[in-house]
Amino acid sequence: MQGDRRGFIQSMLLMGGLLSLSEARAELLMEKNLLTKLTILHTNDVHSHIDPFEVNDPKYPNLGGVKRRANLINKIRSESDEVLLLDAGDIFQGTPYFNLYNGELELRLMSQMGYDASTMGNHDFDNGLDGFLNVKHNANFPFICSNYDFSNTILNGKTIPFKVFDKGGIKIGVFGVGVELEGLVGKRLYGNTVYNDPIEVANKYAKLLKDEQNCDLVICLSHLGYEYSEDKVSDVVLAQKTANIDLIIGGHTHTFLDEAISYVNKEGKEVLVNQAGWAGIRLGKVDFYFDKISKKKLRILQQKQGFVKVD
């Protein structure tokens, strides 16, 4: 049996690359216990939307809601062995819940849903650094901020630059980059926070996670925005000007992507970009398959839908 498995692995490797498989073939190999399936679930720009939209809302009638999202997450977890749940920022601001509870309710609910990590968006600074710190203890998950330097602020040591997760023997490295705060957020709100270039920072931490931490998958939580007409750093730019990133989970521009979009990085390798709109209307979903012995990631020919509607 072990020899058969080795033979299968060797047949997958093509001149150092990986064989592309159909989803049906991948699922069949899953049944034979040859592959590990990792499901990445994600949200962004939920903006304090605890309840579903009203039934008569002109754009999103009766969509969203934390309770429905929680039920959907639990259903996916019951069907999948390895699941990672992430958020790309802007948890706060948008409904009276934030005005009443200053973000405490949002973080408590995310903790109950079992979020693994989040990064910070610009609206997560809306109550200032002290306001964020006052409610942060309600989150039992880390905030991963790689290009915001909080050294000279009260958030020093309260966020982390990266984290490595282990799911079924697959090592997943996660780091986070945020949008420039100057001109977007009042100076009094972010204080002495230093903004570092997200492309330089992304290259640094992606290489660290891939080469030093030996991660099988590297994910960037980005609150830069998907794409701009002007010359401004975005997820698309980040994907093309970096290396070692497998998936960019985006936020900030409230972009509804129906599937993860494939780009080519600066080394000619594939990187996926996904974003799930806003307000918790969609739950982003991207599946990856790995060989159980080599931990190599397989490329799936027919890509799965990049979201699940929260209704």
C-alpha atoms as a PDB file:
ATOM      1  CA  MET A   1       0.000   0.000   0.000  1.00  0.00           C
ATOM      2  CA  GLN A   2       2.800   2.382   0.932  1.00  0.00           C
ATOM      3  CA  GLY A   3       4.487   1.649  -2.400  1.00  0.00           C
ATOM      4  CA  ASP A   4       1.250   2.386  -4.239  1.00  0.00           C
ATOM      5  CA  ARG A   5       0.975   5.711  -2.440  1.00  0.00           C
ATOM      6  CA  ARG A   6       4.555   6.600  -3.341  1.00  0.00           C
ATOM      7  CA  GLY A   7       3.842   5.677  -6.939  1.00  0.00           C
ATOM      8  CA  PHE A   8       0.816   7.930  -6.944  1.00  0.00           C
ATOM      9  CA  ILE A   9       2.834  10.831  -5.554  1.00  0.00           C
ATOM     10  CA  GLN A  10       5.602  10.347  -8.086  1.00  0.00           C
ATOM     11  CA  SER A  11       3.063  10.324 -10.885  1.00  0.00           C
ATOM     12  CA  MET A  12       1.752  13.669  -9.634  1.00  0.00           C
ATOM     13  CA  LEU A  13       5.095  15.392  -9.922  1.00  0.00           C
ATOM     14  CA  LEU A  14       5.824  16.745 -13.366  1.00  0.00           C
ATOM     15  CA  MET A  15       9.303  18.272 -13.668  1.00  0.00           C
ATOM     16  CA  GLY A  16       8.972  19.749 -10.176  1.00  0.00           C
ATOM     17  CA  GLY A  17       5.418  20.918 -10.752  1.00  0.00           C
ATOM     18  CA  LEU A  18       2.064  19.472  -9.734  1.00  0.00           C
ATOM     19  CA  LEU A  19      -0.482  17.611 -11.754  1.00  0.00           C
ATOM     20  CA  SER A  20      -3.744  19.484 -12.317  1.00  0.00           C
ATOM     21  CA  LEU A  21      -6.760  17.490 -11.211  1.00  0.00           C
ATOM     22  CA  SER A  22     -10.477  17.861 -11.741  1.00  0.00           C
ATOM     23  CA  GLU A  23     -12.593  18.403  -8.632  1.00  0.00           C
ATOM     24  CA  ALA A  24     -14.239  15.003  -9.170  1.00  0.00           C
ATOM     25  CA  ARG A  25     -10.842  13.293  -9.313  1.00  0.00           C
ATOM     26  CA  ALA A  26      -9.692  15.147  -6.201  1.00  0.00           C
ATOM     27  CA  GLU A  27     -12.797  14.083  -4.290  1.00  0.00           C
ATOM     28  CA  LEU A  28     -12.243  10.478  -5.360  1.00  0.00           C
ATOM     29  CA  LEU A  29      -8.679  10.585  -4.060  1.00  0.00           C
ATOM     30  CA  MET A  30     -10.033  12.109  -0.844  1.00  0.00           C
ATOM     31  CA  GLU A  31     -12.209   9.033  -0.405  1.00  0.00           C
ATOM     32  CA  LYS A  32      -9.096   6.875  -0.777  1.00  0.00           C
ATOM     33  CA  ASN A  33      -7.448   8.905   1.994  1.00  0.00           C
ATOM     34  CA  LEU A  34      -4.678  10.106  -0.315  1.00  0.00           C
ATOM     35  CA  LEU A  35      -5.440  13.811  -0.089  1.00  0.00           C
ATOM     36  CA  THR A  36      -6.178  16.354   2.630  1.00  0.00           C
ATOM     37  CA  LYS A  37      -8.811  18.956   1.839  1.00  0.00           C
ATOM     38  CA  LEU A  38      -8.413  22.345   3.531  1.00  0.00           C
ATOM     39  CA  THR A  39     -11.358  24.740   3.449  1.00  0.00           C
ATOM     40  CA  ILE A  40     -10.692  28.447   3.968  1.00  0.00           C
ATOM     41  CA  LEU A  41     -13.784  30.394   5.080  1.00  0.00           C
ATOM     42  CA  HIS A  42     -13.574  34.156   5.264  1.00  0.00           C
ATOM     43  CA  THR A  43     -15.422  37.429   5.716  1.00  0.00           C
ATOM     44  CA  ASN A  44     -14.545  41.096   5.285  1.00  0.00           C
ATOM     45  CA  ASP A  45     -16.146  44.469   5.923  1.00  0.00           C
ATOM     46  CA  VAL A  46     -18.964  43.040   8.026  1.00  0.00           C
ATOM     47  CA  HIS A  47     -19.390  46.538   9.512  1.00  0.00           C
ATOM     48  CA  SER A  48     -21.361  45.600  12.627  1.00  0.00           C
ATOM     49  CA  HIS A  49     -24.169  43.919  10.658  1.00  0.00           C
ATOM     50  CA  ILE A  50     -25.528  41.571  13.297  1.00  0.00           C
ATOM     51  CA  ASP A  51     -29.035  41.207  11.882  1.00  0.00           C
ATOM     52  CA  PRO A  52     -30.078  40.311   8.326  1.00  0.00           C
ATOM     53  CA  PHE A  53     -31.081  43.128   5.990  1.00  0.00           C
ATOM     54  CA  GLU A  54     -34.773  44.006   6.043  1.00  0.00           C
ATOM     55  CA  VAL A  55     -37.024  41.987   3.740  1.00  0.00           C
ATOM     56  CA  ASN A  56     -37.821  45.153   1.783  1.00  0.00           C
ATOM     57  CA  ASP A  57     -34.215  46.278   1.369  1.00  0.00           C
ATOM     58  CA  PRO A  58     -33.781  47.316  -2.301  1.00  0.00           C
ATOM     59  CA  LYS A  59     -30.380  45.614  -2.729  1.00  0.00           C
ATOM     60  CA  TYR A  60     -29.979  42.816  -0.190  1.00  0.00           C
ATOM     61  CA  PRO A  61     -33.477  41.768   0.963  1.00  0.00           C
ATOM     62  CA  ASN A  62     -33.335  39.384   3.919  1.00  0.00           C
ATOM     63  CA  LEU A  63     -29.651  38.517   3.358  1.00  0.00           C
ATOM     64  CA  GLY A  64     -26.886  38.158   5.924  1.00  0.00           C
ATOM     65  CA  GLY A  65     -27.118  37.962   9.695  1.00  0.00           C
ATOM     66  CA  VAL A  66     -24.739  36.515  12.272  1.00  0.00           C
ATOM     67  CA  LYS A  67     -27.027  33.650  13.278  1.00  0.00           C
ATOM     68  CA  ARG A  68     -27.302  32.426   9.691  1.00  0.00           C
ATOM     69  CA  ARG A  69     -23.561  32.788   9.156  1.00  0.00           C
ATOM     70  CA  ALA A  70     -22.877  30.794  12.321  1.00  0.00           C
ATOM     71  CA  ASN A  71     -25.231  28.010  11.166  1.00  0.00           C
ATOM     72  CA  LEU A  72     -23.551  27.937   7.758  1.00  0.00           C
ATOM     73  CA  ILE A  73     -20.064  27.800   9.290  1.00  0.00           C
ATOM     74  CA  ASN A  74     -21.118  24.957  11.578  1.00  0.00           C
ATOM     75  CA  LYS A  75     -22.621  23.050   8.633  1.00  0.00           C
ATOM     76  CA  ILE A  76     -19.411  23.384   6.605  1.00  0.00           C
ATOM     77  CA  ARG A  77     -17.331  22.325   9.611  1.00  0.00           C
ATOM     78  CA  SER A  78     -19.496  19.226  10.026  1.00  0.00           C
ATOM     79  CA  GLU A  79     -18.829  18.270   6.402  1.00  0.00           C
ATOM     80  CA  SER A  80     -15.105  19.136   6.279  1.00  0.00           C
ATOM     81  CA  ASP A  81     -12.312  17.886   8.514  1.00  0.00           C
ATOM     82  CA  GLU A  82      -9.995  20.893   8.177  1.00  0.00           C
ATOM     83  CA  VAL A  83     -11.450  24.419   8.224  1.00  0.00           C
ATOM     84  CA  LEU A  84      -9.806  27.809   8.853  1.00  0.00           C
ATOM     85  CA  LEU A  85     -12.049  30.846   9.489  1.00  0.00           C
ATOM     86  CA  LEU A  86     -10.548  34.303   8.853  1.00  0.00           C
ATOM     87  CA  ASP A  87     -11.593  37.955   8.575  1.00  0.00           C
ATOM     88  CA  ALA A  88      -9.979  40.733   6.523  1.00  0.00           C
ATOM     89  CA  GLY A  89     -10.970  43.713   8.662  1.00  0.00           C
ATOM     90  CA  ASP A  90     -13.567  46.463   9.101  1.00  0.00           C
ATOM     91  CA  ILE A  91     -15.419  44.525  11.743  1.00  0.00           C
ATOM     92  CA  PHE A  92     -16.651  47.798  13.274  1.00  0.00           C
ATOM     93  CA  GLN A  93     -18.920  50.682  12.244  1.00  0.00           C
ATOM     94  CA  GLY A  94     -22.091  50.594  10.200  1.00  0.00           C
ATOM     95  CA  THR A  95     -25.088  49.887  12.461  1.00  0.00           C
ATOM     96  CA  PRO A  96     -26.354  51.118  15.860  1.00  0.00           C
ATOM     97  CA  TYR A  97     -24.851  47.997  17.452  1.00  0.00           C
ATOM     98  CA  PHE A  98     -21.426  49.603  17.143  1.00  0.00           C
ATOM     99  CA  ASN A  99     -22.665  52.891  18.597  1.00  0.00           C
ATOM    100  CA  LEU A 100     -24.157  51.040  21.563  1.00  0.00           C
ATOM    101  CA  TYR A 101     -21.462  48.460  22.316  1.00  0.00           C
ATOM    102  CA  ASN A 102     -18.308  49.962  20.717  1.00  0.00           C
ATOM    103  CA  GLY A 103     -17.355  46.688  19.028  1.00  0.00           C
ATOM    104  CA  GLU A 104     -17.696  44.398  22.061  1.00  0.00           C
ATOM    105  CA  LEU A 105     -20.708  42.556  20.630  1.00  0.00           C
ATOM    106  CA  GLU A 106     -19.065  41.982  17.256  1.00  0.00           C
ATOM    107  CA  LEU A 107     -15.932  40.458  18.815  1.00  0.00           C
ATOM    108  CA  ARG A 108     -17.909  38.284  21.220  1.00  0.00           C
ATOM    109  CA  LEU A 109     -19.982  36.869  18.385  1.00  0.00           C
ATOM    110  CA  MET A 110     -16.914  36.228  16.238  1.00  0.00           C
ATOM    111  CA  SER A 111     -15.346  34.402  19.171  1.00  0.00           C
ATOM    112  CA  GLN A 112     -18.441  32.245  19.539  1.00  0.00           C
ATOM    113  CA  MET A 113     -18.282  31.424  15.827  1.00  0.00           C
ATOM    114  CA  GLY A 114     -14.696  30.260  16.265  1.00  0.00           C
ATOM    115  CA  TYR A 115     -12.780  32.725  14.100  1.00  0.00           C
ATOM    116  CA  ASP A 116      -9.117  31.767  13.895  1.00  0.00           C
ATOM    117  CA  ALA A 117      -7.732  35.240  13.129  1.00  0.00           C
ATOM    118  CA  SER A 118      -8.474  38.695  11.744  1.00  0.00           C
ATOM    119  CA  THR A 119      -6.577  41.719  10.549  1.00  0.00           C
ATOM    120  CA  MET A 120      -7.521  45.351  11.195  1.00  0.00           C
ATOM    121  CA  GLY A 121      -9.325  47.557   8.696  1.00  0.00           C
ATOM    122  CA  ASN A 122      -9.432  51.352   8.758  1.00  0.00           C
ATOM    123  CA  HIS A 123     -12.839  51.428  10.484  1.00  0.00           C
ATOM    124  CA  ASP A 124     -11.470  49.298  13.309  1.00  0.00           C
ATOM    125  CA  PHE A 125      -9.676  52.516  14.348  1.00  0.00           C
ATOM    126  CA  ASP A 126     -12.933  54.505  14.549  1.00  0.00           C
ATOM    127  CA  ASN A 127     -12.951  54.599  18.358  1.00  0.00           C
ATOM    128  CA  GLY A 128      -9.216  55.237  18.467  1.00  0.00           C
ATOM    129  CA  LEU A 129      -6.476  52.923  19.671  1.00  0.00           C
ATOM    130  CA  ASP A 130      -7.790  53.073  23.220  1.00  0.00           C
ATOM    131  CA  GLY A 131     -11.315  52.208  22.063  1.00  0.00           C
ATOM    132  CA  PHE A 132     -10.024  49.183  20.179  1.00  0.00           C
ATOM    133  CA  LEU A 133      -7.930  48.061  23.129  1.00  0.00           C
ATOM    134  CA  ASN A 134     -10.894  48.445  25.515  1.00  0.00           C
ATOM    135  CA  VAL A 135     -12.894  45.787  23.641  1.00  0.00           C
ATOM    136  CA  LYS A 136     -10.113  43.610  22.229  1.00  0.00           C
ATOM    137  CA  HIS A 137     -10.217  41.208  25.199  1.00  0.00           C
ATOM    138  CA  ASN A 138     -13.580  39.995  23.867  1.00  0.00           C
ATOM    139  CA  ALA A 139     -11.767  38.417  20.920  1.00  0.00           C
ATOM    140  CA  ASN A 140     -10.322  34.982  21.661  1.00  0.00           C
ATOM    141  CA  PHE A 141      -8.529  35.088  18.316  1.00  0.00           C
ATOM    142  CA  PRO A 142      -5.445  37.128  17.323  1.00  0.00           C
ATOM    143  CA  PHE A 143      -5.326  40.288  15.240  1.00  0.00           C
ATOM    144  CA  ILE A 144      -2.578  39.862  12.664  1.00  0.00           C
ATOM    145  CA  CYS A 145      -1.125  43.194  11.523  1.00  0.00           C
ATOM    146  CA  SER A 146       2.166  43.034   9.648  1.00  0.00           C
ATOM    147  CA  ASN A 147       2.597  46.513   8.146  1.00  0.00           C
ATOM    148  CA  TYR A 148       1.200  48.605  11.020  1.00  0.00           C
ATOM    149  CA  ASP A 149       3.956  49.297  13.534  1.00  0.00           C
ATOM    150  CA  PHE A 150       2.317  49.915  16.912  1.00  0.00           C
ATOM    151  CA  SER A 151       5.627  50.093  18.836  1.00  0.00           C
ATOM    152  CA  ASN A 152       5.023  53.631  20.100  1.00  0.00           C
ATOM    153  CA  THR A 153       1.326  53.154  20.881  1.00  0.00           C
ATOM    154  CA  ILE A 154      -0.830  51.439  23.497  1.00  0.00           C
ATOM    155  CA  LEU A 155      -1.321  48.568  21.021  1.00  0.00           C
ATOM    156  CA  ASN A 156       2.351  47.623  21.250  1.00  0.00           C
ATOM    157  CA  GLY A 157       2.437  43.843  21.714  1.00  0.00           C
ATOM    158  CA  LYS A 158      -1.347  43.550  21.355  1.00  0.00           C
ATOM    159  CA  THR A 159      -1.254  42.351  17.743  1.00  0.00           C
ATOM    160  CA  ILE A 160       1.026  39.848  16.020  1.00  0.00           C
ATOM    161  CA  PRO A 161       2.780  40.042  12.614  1.00  0.00           C
ATOM    162  CA  PHE A 162       2.019  36.444  11.582  1.00  0.00           C
ATOM    163  CA  LYS A 163       0.712  33.121  12.837  1.00  0.00           C
ATOM    164  CA  VAL A 164       1.166  29.507  11.749  1.00  0.00           C
ATOM    165  CA  PHE A 165      -1.796  27.149  11.994  1.00  0.00           C
ATOM    166  CA  ASP A 166      -1.723  23.358  11.734  1.00  0.00           C
ATOM    167  CA  LYS A 167      -4.741  21.720  10.132  1.00  0.00           C
ATOM    168  CA  GLY A 168      -4.472  17.993   9.590  1.00  0.00           C
ATOM    169  CA  GLY A 169      -0.712  18.190   9.317  1.00  0.00           C
ATOM    170  CA  ILE A 170      -0.896  21.059   6.809  1.00  0.00           C
ATOM    171  CA  LYS A 171       0.962  24.167   7.990  1.00  0.00           C
ATOM    172  CA  ILE A 172      -0.774  27.420   7.047  1.00  0.00           C
ATOM    173  CA  GLY A 173       1.025  30.720   7.533  1.00  0.00           C
ATOM    174  CA  VAL A 174      -1.089  33.868   7.825  1.00  0.00           C
ATOM    175  CA  PHE A 175      -0.001  37.506   7.819  1.00  0.00           C
ATOM    176  CA  GLY A 176      -1.959  40.739   7.339  1.00  0.00           C
ATOM    177  CA  VAL A 177      -1.527  44.060   5.569  1.00  0.00           C
ATOM    178  CA  GLY A 178      -3.673  47.170   5.912  1.00  0.00           C
ATOM    179  CA  VAL A 179      -4.449  50.308   3.954  1.00  0.00           C
ATOM    180  CA  GLU A 180      -2.575  53.569   4.549  1.00  0.00           C
ATOM    181  CA  LEU A 181      -4.332  55.393   7.402  1.00  0.00           C
ATOM    182  CA  GLU A 182      -3.175  58.956   6.684  1.00  0.00           C
ATOM    183  CA  GLY A 183      -5.947  60.840   4.918  1.00  0.00           C
ATOM    184  CA  LEU A 184      -8.416  58.035   5.594  1.00  0.00           C
ATOM    185  CA  VAL A 185      -8.463  57.952   9.391  1.00  0.00           C
ATOM    186  CA  GLY A 186      -8.055  60.946  11.714  1.00  0.00           C
ATOM    187  CA  LYS A 187      -4.535  61.240  13.138  1.00  0.00           C
ATOM    188  CA  ARG A 188      -5.871  61.386  16.691  1.00  0.00           C
ATOM    189  CA  LEU A 189      -7.437  57.957  16.165  1.00  0.00           C
ATOM    190  CA  TYR A 190      -4.321  56.086  15.043  1.00  0.00           C
ATOM    191  CA  GLY A 191      -1.767  58.193  16.926  1.00  0.00           C
ATOM    192  CA  ASN A 192       1.839  57.122  16.419  1.00  0.00           C
ATOM    193  CA  THR A 193       1.017  54.058  14.346  1.00  0.00           C
ATOM    194  CA  VAL A 194       3.624  53.742  11.584  1.00  0.00           C
ATOM    195  CA  TYR A 195       2.499  52.548   8.155  1.00  0.00           C
ATOM    196  CA  ASN A 196       5.017  50.381   6.295  1.00  0.00           C
ATOM    197  CA  ASP A 197       4.935  49.551   2.585  1.00  0.00           C
ATOM    198  CA  PRO A 198       2.608  46.540   2.189  1.00  0.00           C
ATOM    199  CA  ILE A 199       4.479  45.049  -0.784  1.00  0.00           C
ATOM    200  CA  GLU A 200       7.825  45.063   1.028  1.00  0.00           C
ATOM    201  CA  VAL A 201       6.222  43.693   4.173  1.00  0.00           C
ATOM    202  CA  ALA A 202       4.284  41.021   2.260  1.00  0.00           C
ATOM    203  CA  ASN A 203       7.431  39.785   0.530  1.00  0.00           C
ATOM    204  CA  LYS A 204       9.253  39.671   3.860  1.00  0.00           C
ATOM    205  CA  TYR A 205       6.650  37.667   5.767  1.00  0.00           C
ATOM    206  CA  ALA A 206       5.618  35.423   2.887  1.00  0.00           C
ATOM    207  CA  LYS A 207       9.253  34.360   2.447  1.00  0.00           C
ATOM    208  CA  LEU A 208       9.651  33.873   6.198  1.00  0.00           C
ATOM    209  CA  LEU A 209       6.543  31.706   6.372  1.00  0.00           C
ATOM    210  CA  LYS A 210       7.427  29.636   3.317  1.00  0.00           C
ATOM    211  CA  ASP A 211      11.176  29.225   3.843  1.00  0.00           C
ATOM    212  CA  GLU A 212      11.774  29.512   7.591  1.00  0.00           C
ATOM    213  CA  GLN A 213       8.462  28.284   8.991  1.00  0.00           C
ATOM    214  CA  ASN A 214       8.100  25.662   6.225  1.00  0.00           C
ATOM    215  CA  CYS A 215       4.443  26.476   5.603  1.00  0.00           C
ATOM    216  CA  ASP A 216       2.580  24.479   2.989  1.00  0.00           C
ATOM    217  CA  LEU A 217       0.193  27.378   2.303  1.00  0.00           C
ATOM    218  CA  VAL A 218       0.659  31.125   2.828  1.00  0.00           C
ATOM    219  CA  ILE A 219      -2.353  33.422   3.192  1.00  0.00           C
ATOM    220  CA  CYS A 220      -2.352  37.218   3.226  1.00  0.00           C
ATOM    221  CA  LEU A 221      -5.249  38.949   4.979  1.00  0.00           C
ATOM    222  CA  SER A 222      -5.448  42.220   3.082  1.00  0.00           C
ATOM    223  CA  HIS A 223      -7.390  45.394   3.765  1.00  0.00           C
ATOM    224  CA  LEU A 224      -5.916  47.216   0.774  1.00  0.00           C
ATOM    225  CA  GLY A 225      -8.830  46.968  -1.665  1.00  0.00           C
ATOM    226  CA  TYR A 226      -9.223  44.699  -4.681  1.00  0.00           C
ATOM    227  CA  GLU A 227      -8.301  47.042  -7.567  1.00  0.00           C
ATOM    228  CA  TYR A 228      -8.146  50.761  -8.401  1.00  0.00           C
ATOM    229  CA  SER A 229      -8.124  52.782 -11.613  1.00  0.00           C
ATOM    230  CA  GLU A 230      -5.392  55.031 -10.194  1.00  0.00           C
ATOM    231  CA  ASP A 231      -1.844  54.037  -9.289  1.00  0.00           C
ATOM    232  CA  LYS A 232      -2.507  52.664  -5.817  1.00  0.00           C
ATOM    233  CA  VAL A 233      -1.485  49.448  -4.113  1.00  0.00           C
ATOM    234  CA  SER A 234      -4.286  46.868  -4.197  1.00  0.00           C
ATOM    235  CA  ASP A 235      -4.756  43.122  -3.947  1.00  0.00           C
ATOM    236  CA  VAL A 236      -4.183  42.777  -7.698  1.00  0.00           C
ATOM    237  CA  VAL A 237      -0.932  44.761  -7.483  1.00  0.00           C
ATOM    238  CA  LEU A 238       0.103  42.843  -4.369  1.00  0.00           C
ATOM    239  CA  ALA A 239      -0.473  39.511  -6.099  1.00  0.00           C
ATOM    240  CA  GLN A 240       1.687  40.487  -9.065  1.00  0.00           C
ATOM    241  CA  LYS A 241       4.551  42.116  -7.135  1.00  0.00           C
ATOM    242  CA  THR A 242       5.108  39.494  -4.459  1.00  0.00           C
ATOM    243  CA  ALA A 243       6.187  35.860  -4.176  1.00  0.00           C
ATOM    244  CA  ASN A 244       5.347  32.916  -1.903  1.00  0.00           C
ATOM    245  CA  ILE A 245       1.693  33.910  -1.324  1.00  0.00           C
ATOM    246  CA  ASP A 246      -0.919  31.309  -2.264  1.00  0.00           C
ATOM    247  CA  LEU A 247      -4.109  33.191  -1.360  1.00  0.00           C
ATOM    248  CA  ILE A 248      -4.941  36.856  -0.756  1.00  0.00           C
ATOM    249  CA  ILE A 249      -8.169  37.361   1.193  1.00  0.00           C
ATOM    250  CA  GLY A 250      -9.213  40.937   0.529  1.00  0.00           C
ATOM    251  CA  GLY A 251     -11.355  43.678   1.971  1.00  0.00           C
ATOM    252  CA  HIS A 252     -11.940  47.456   1.962  1.00  0.00           C
ATOM    253  CA  THR A 253     -13.526  47.869  -1.490  1.00  0.00           C
ATOM    254  CA  HIS A 254     -16.591  45.712  -0.727  1.00  0.00           C
ATOM    255  CA  THR A 255     -15.947  43.712  -3.906  1.00  0.00           C
ATOM    256  CA  PHE A 256     -18.230  40.751  -4.613  1.00  0.00           C
ATOM    257  CA  LEU A 257     -16.126  38.114  -6.379  1.00  0.00           C
ATOM    258  CA  ASP A 258     -18.088  35.083  -7.541  1.00  0.00           C
ATOM    259  CA  GLU A 259     -14.919  32.991  -7.557  1.00  0.00           C
ATOM    260  CA  ALA A 260     -11.321  33.387  -6.510  1.00  0.00           C
ATOM    261  CA  ILE A 261      -9.383  35.103  -9.305  1.00  0.00           C
ATOM    262  CA  SER A 262      -6.028  33.686 -10.397  1.00  0.00           C
ATOM    263  CA  TYR A 263      -3.030  35.992 -10.946  1.00  0.00           C
ATOM    264  CA  VAL A 264       0.620  35.355 -11.722  1.00  0.00           C
ATOM    265  CA  ASN A 265       3.141  36.514  -9.120  1.00  0.00           C
ATOM    266  CA  LYS A 266       6.587  37.967  -9.765  1.00  0.00           C
ATOM    267  CA  GLU A 267       8.061  34.456  -9.991  1.00  0.00           C
ATOM    268  CA  GLY A 268       5.499  33.239 -12.507  1.00  0.00           C
ATOM    269  CA  LYS A 269       3.484  31.224 -10.000  1.00  0.00           C
ATOM    270  CA  GLU A 270      -0.237  31.266  -9.332  1.00  0.00           C
ATOM    271  CA  VAL A 271      -1.761  33.315  -6.510  1.00  0.00           C
ATOM    272  CA  LEU A 272      -5.506  33.442  -5.836  1.00  0.00           C
ATOM    273  CA  VAL A 273      -7.386  36.563  -4.762  1.00  0.00           C
ATOM    274  CA  ASN A 274     -10.841  36.429  -3.190  1.00  0.00           C
ATOM    275  CA  GLN A 275     -13.176  38.934  -1.521  1.00  0.00           C
ATOM    276  CA  ALA A 276     -16.672  38.396  -0.113  1.00  0.00           C
ATOM    277  CA  GLY A 277     -18.345  41.777  -0.607  1.00  0.00           C
ATOM    278  CA  TRP A 278     -19.489  43.288   2.683  1.00  0.00           C
ATOM    279  CA  ALA A 279     -22.010  43.181   5.554  1.00  0.00           C
ATOM    280  CA  GLY A 280     -21.814  39.411   5.975  1.00  0.00           C
ATOM    281  CA  ILE A 281     -24.000  38.814   2.920  1.00  0.00           C
ATOM    282  CA  ARG A 282     -21.549  36.198   1.680  1.00  0.00           C
ATOM    283  CA  LEU A 283     -19.191  33.787   3.340  1.00  0.00           C
ATOM    284  CA  GLY A 284     -16.019  33.434   1.277  1.00  0.00           C
ATOM    285  CA  LYS A 285     -14.976  29.847   0.615  1.00  0.00           C
ATOM    286  CA  VAL A 286     -11.842  28.493  -1.074  1.00  0.00           C
ATOM    287  CA  ASP A 287     -10.819  24.819  -1.008  1.00  0.00           C
ATOM    288  CA  PHE A 288      -7.265  23.514  -1.335  1.00  0.00           C
ATOM    289  CA  TYR A 289      -6.143  19.902  -1.745  1.00  0.00           C
ATOM    290  CA  PHE A 290      -2.799  18.546  -0.519  1.00  0.00           C
ATOM    291  CA  ASP A 291      -1.071  15.215  -0.979  1.00  0.00           C
ATOM    292  CA  LYS A 292      -1.039  13.560   2.443  1.00  0.00           C
ATOM    293  CA  ILE A 293       2.576  12.442   2.310  1.00  0.00           C
ATOM    294  CA  SER A 294       4.435  15.201   0.473  1.00  0.00           C
ATOM    295  CA  LYS A 295       2.084  18.019   1.653  1.00  0.00           C
ATOM    296  CA  LYS A 296       2.271  19.421  -1.869  1.00  0.00           C
ATOM    297  CA  LYS A 297      -0.647  21.573  -2.978  1.00  0.00           C
ATOM    298  CA  LEU A 298      -2.555  20.346  -6.035  1.00  0.00           C
ATOM    299  CA  ARG A 299      -3.993  22.599  -8.693  1.00  0.00           C
ATOM    300  CA  ILE A 300      -7.683  21.978  -9.310  1.00  0.00           C
ATOM    301  CA  LEU A 301      -8.792  22.489 -12.907  1.00  0.00           C
ATOM    302  CA  GLN A 302     -12.381  23.517 -12.264  1.00  0.00           C
ATOM    303  CA  GLN A 303     -12.242  26.010  -9.442  1.00  0.00           C
ATOM    304  CA  LYS A 304     -14.930  25.917  -6.819  1.00  0.00           C
ATOM    305  CA  GLN A 305     -17.324  28.799  -6.247  1.00  0.00           C
ATOM    306  CA  GLY A 306     -15.632  31.450  -4.141  1.00  0.00           C
ATOM    307  CA  PHE A 307     -18.505  32.124  -1.750  1.00  0.00           C
ATOM    308  CA  VAL A 308     -21.632  30.798  -0.082  1.00  0.00           C
ATOM    309  CA  LYS A 309     -24.656  33.086   0.177  1.00  0.00           C
ATOM    310  CA  VAL A 310     -25.747  33.795   3.761  1.00  0.00           C
ATOM    311  CA  ASP A 311     -29.515  33.484   3.482  1.00  0.00           C
END
